[in-house]
Amino acid sequence: MNKQRIIVLIAAGIGALSCFLTWATVGISFFRMSINGVKSGWEGKIALLGFILAIIFAVLGDRNAPIEKDKKKFVMIGGIIGLAMTLLAMIGMSVQEGSSMVTFGIGIYLSLLAGIAVTASPFVIKDSGEIEIPTKDELVDDLKEMKDDIVDDVKDKFDKKDEKK
């Protein structure tokens, strides 16, 4: 299996598993309650779905080749969803439980790291399998190319609908 796919699968797998680990412990004097990502609210459930999305698109296609260009954007979107939902959960728990003591657990930190790793993997791990930090210009070019691909896909779908009418 290609190194790029392996790293995405490991990171997204850790992210998915982290949603079942302790995200926070809330305590007031002697009473303490721990919650995991899935039970913390909708953010944890959507983060789990984001990581699963990344896993699915990392597995599709020829596993000995790097992740195809059209699938990389979905892997990245899955990582962004996982990362964003984890951050929202952290902010929400901090604000909502203002009067009580909130301690974040290992699960939320693993979810954050996994979200960053899954989002960055398509850019940092090159098609050859080498790990290389992209320059700002390379990153901007990759993002513009992904945006153009998405716009072209949407235009093609609308053109096909117009042809059917």
Protein backbone atom coordinates (compact mmCIF):
# COMPACT_ATOMS: atom_id res chain seq x y z
CA MET A 1 0.00 0.00 0.00
CA ASN A 2 1.20 3.51 -0.81
CA LYS A 3 2.79 5.48 2.05
CA GLN A 4 0.42 8.42 1.53
CA ARG A 5 -2.63 6.16 1.93
CA ILE A 6 -1.16 4.42 4.98
CA ILE A 7 -0.55 7.69 6.81
CA VAL A 8 -4.03 9.02 5.99
CA LEU A 9 -5.60 5.74 7.13
CA ILE A 10 -3.64 5.72 10.39
CA ALA A 11 -4.40 9.38 11.15
CA ALA A 12 -8.09 9.10 10.21
CA GLY A 13 -8.37 5.83 12.14
CA ILE A 14 -6.92 7.47 15.24
CA GLY A 15 -9.34 10.37 14.72
CA ALA A 16 -12.31 8.01 14.47
CA LEU A 17 -11.25 6.06 17.56
CA SER A 18 -10.63 9.30 19.48
CA CYS A 19 -14.32 10.13 19.15
CA PHE A 20 -15.00 7.20 21.51
CA LEU A 21 -12.37 8.27 24.05
CA THR A 22 -12.84 10.86 26.81
CA TRP A 23 -13.19 14.34 25.37
CA ALA A 24 -13.90 16.13 28.63
CA THR A 25 -14.44 15.68 32.32
CA VAL A 26 -16.79 18.14 33.97
CA GLY A 27 -16.63 18.55 37.71
CA ILE A 28 -18.28 20.51 40.45
CA SER A 29 -16.76 19.86 43.91
CA PHE A 30 -16.99 16.05 44.40
CA PHE A 31 -19.15 15.27 41.37
CA ARG A 32 -17.30 14.42 38.15
CA MET A 33 -18.64 13.23 34.81
CA SER A 34 -16.65 12.18 31.75
CA ILE A 35 -18.02 12.31 28.22
CA ASN A 36 -16.64 11.00 24.96
CA GLY A 37 -16.83 12.68 21.57
CA VAL A 38 -19.86 10.79 20.32
CA LYS A 39 -21.85 11.50 23.49
CA SER A 40 -20.65 15.09 23.89
CA GLY A 41 -23.03 16.38 21.24
CA TRP A 42 -23.47 16.68 17.51
CA GLU A 43 -19.89 17.94 17.01
CA GLY A 44 -18.36 14.60 18.00
CA LYS A 45 -20.71 12.66 15.73
CA ILE A 46 -19.92 14.88 12.74
CA ALA A 47 -16.17 14.70 13.51
CA LEU A 48 -16.49 10.91 13.42
CA LEU A 49 -18.24 11.13 10.03
CA GLY A 50 -15.44 13.39 8.73
CA PHE A 51 -12.77 10.88 9.72
CA ILE A 52 -14.79 8.03 8.18
CA LEU A 53 -15.09 10.07 4.96
CA ALA A 54 -11.30 10.41 4.86
CA ILE A 55 -10.88 6.66 5.41
CA ILE A 56 -13.30 5.79 2.62
CA PHE A 57 -11.61 8.03 0.06
CA ALA A 58 -8.13 6.89 1.12
CA VAL A 59 -9.12 3.26 0.43
CA LEU A 60 -10.81 3.84 -2.94
CA GLY A 61 -8.78 3.22 -6.09
CA ASP A 62 -5.46 1.49 -6.65
CA ARG A 63 -3.99 1.05 -3.17
CA ASN A 64 -0.42 0.79 -4.46
CA ALA A 65 -0.67 4.23 -6.10
CA PRO A 66 -0.98 7.57 -4.33
CA ILE A 67 -4.45 8.93 -3.62
CA GLU A 68 -5.93 10.19 -6.87
CA LYS A 69 -6.24 13.92 -7.34
CA ASP A 70 -10.04 13.93 -7.33
CA LYS A 71 -10.11 11.91 -4.08
CA LYS A 72 -7.51 14.03 -2.27
CA LYS A 73 -9.98 16.88 -1.91
CA PHE A 74 -12.46 14.59 -0.13
CA VAL A 75 -9.73 13.29 2.18
CA MET A 76 -8.82 16.88 3.00
CA ILE A 77 -12.49 17.83 3.51
CA GLY A 78 -12.89 14.89 5.92
CA GLY A 79 -9.88 16.10 7.91
CA ILE A 80 -11.18 19.66 7.97
CA ILE A 81 -14.59 18.46 9.18
CA GLY A 82 -12.97 16.43 11.98
CA LEU A 83 -10.72 19.31 12.99
CA ALA A 84 -13.43 21.98 12.85
CA MET A 85 -15.95 19.95 14.81
CA THR A 86 -13.38 19.14 17.48
CA LEU A 87 -12.51 22.83 17.84
CA LEU A 88 -16.22 23.71 18.04
CA ALA A 89 -16.71 21.09 20.74
CA MET A 90 -13.80 22.50 22.74
CA ILE A 91 -15.14 26.03 22.49
CA GLY A 92 -18.68 24.92 23.27
CA MET A 93 -17.67 22.93 26.33
CA SER A 94 -15.52 25.77 27.63
CA VAL A 95 -18.29 28.35 27.26
CA GLN A 96 -21.22 26.16 28.28
CA GLU A 97 -19.62 24.84 31.44
CA GLY A 98 -18.25 28.23 32.53
CA SER A 99 -19.13 27.87 36.20
CA SER A 100 -17.84 24.32 36.55
CA MET A 101 -14.41 22.89 35.94
CA VAL A 102 -13.87 21.40 32.46
CA THR A 103 -10.80 19.27 31.88
CA PHE A 104 -10.19 18.11 28.33
CA GLY A 105 -9.35 14.44 27.89
CA ILE A 106 -6.97 12.55 25.64
CA GLY A 107 -9.66 11.90 23.03
CA ILE A 108 -10.16 15.55 22.12
CA TYR A 109 -6.42 16.14 21.77
CA LEU A 110 -6.02 13.04 19.59
CA SER A 111 -8.94 14.22 17.46
CA LEU A 112 -7.29 17.63 16.98
CA LEU A 113 -3.97 16.06 15.96
CA ALA A 114 -5.69 13.56 13.66
CA GLY A 115 -7.68 16.36 11.98
CA ILE A 116 -4.48 18.30 11.32
CA ALA A 117 -2.65 15.20 10.05
CA VAL A 118 -5.46 14.11 7.72
CA THR A 119 -5.88 17.64 6.35
CA ALA A 120 -2.14 18.11 5.77
CA SER A 121 -1.28 14.62 4.45
CA PRO A 122 -2.30 15.19 0.81
CA PHE A 123 -0.01 18.23 0.70
CA VAL A 124 2.93 17.01 2.80
CA ILE A 125 3.26 13.45 1.48
CA LYS A 126 4.11 13.60 -2.18
CA ASP A 127 3.00 11.05 -4.77
CA SER A 128 6.40 9.35 -4.55
CA GLY A 129 5.82 8.76 -0.83
CA GLU A 130 8.41 11.28 0.29
CA ILE A 131 7.53 13.62 3.11
CA GLU A 132 8.17 17.20 2.06
CA ILE A 133 6.85 20.42 3.55
CA PRO A 134 5.38 22.42 0.65
CA THR A 135 6.29 26.02 0.09
CA LYS A 136 3.62 28.68 0.35
CA ASP A 137 3.42 28.95 -3.45
CA GLU A 138 3.06 25.17 -3.89
CA LEU A 139 0.30 25.08 -1.28
CA VAL A 140 -1.55 27.96 -2.92
CA ASP A 141 -1.22 26.30 -6.34
CA ASP A 142 -2.54 22.97 -4.97
CA LEU A 143 -5.52 24.68 -3.33
CA LYS A 144 -6.29 26.69 -6.49
CA GLU A 145 -6.10 23.51 -8.55
CA MET A 146 -8.51 21.75 -6.17
CA LYS A 147 -10.88 24.72 -6.31
CA ASP A 148 -10.77 24.75 -10.12
CA ASP A 149 -11.46 21.00 -10.20
CA ILE A 150 -14.46 21.41 -7.91
CA VAL A 151 -15.82 24.32 -9.99
CA ASP A 152 -15.33 22.31 -13.21
CA ASP A 153 -17.13 19.29 -11.70
CA VAL A 154 -20.08 21.46 -10.66
CA LYS A 155 -20.25 23.13 -14.08
CA ASP A 156 -20.17 19.74 -15.80
CA LYS A 157 -23.08 18.51 -13.67
CA PHE A 158 -25.15 21.59 -14.46
CA ASP A 159 -24.32 21.30 -18.17
CA LYS A 160 -25.47 17.66 -18.17
CA LYS A 161 -28.74 18.65 -16.48
CA ASP A 162 -29.29 21.37 -19.09
CA GLU A 163 -28.67 18.89 -21.93
CA LYS A 164 -31.31 16.51 -20.52
CA LYS A 165 -33.94 19.26 -20.59
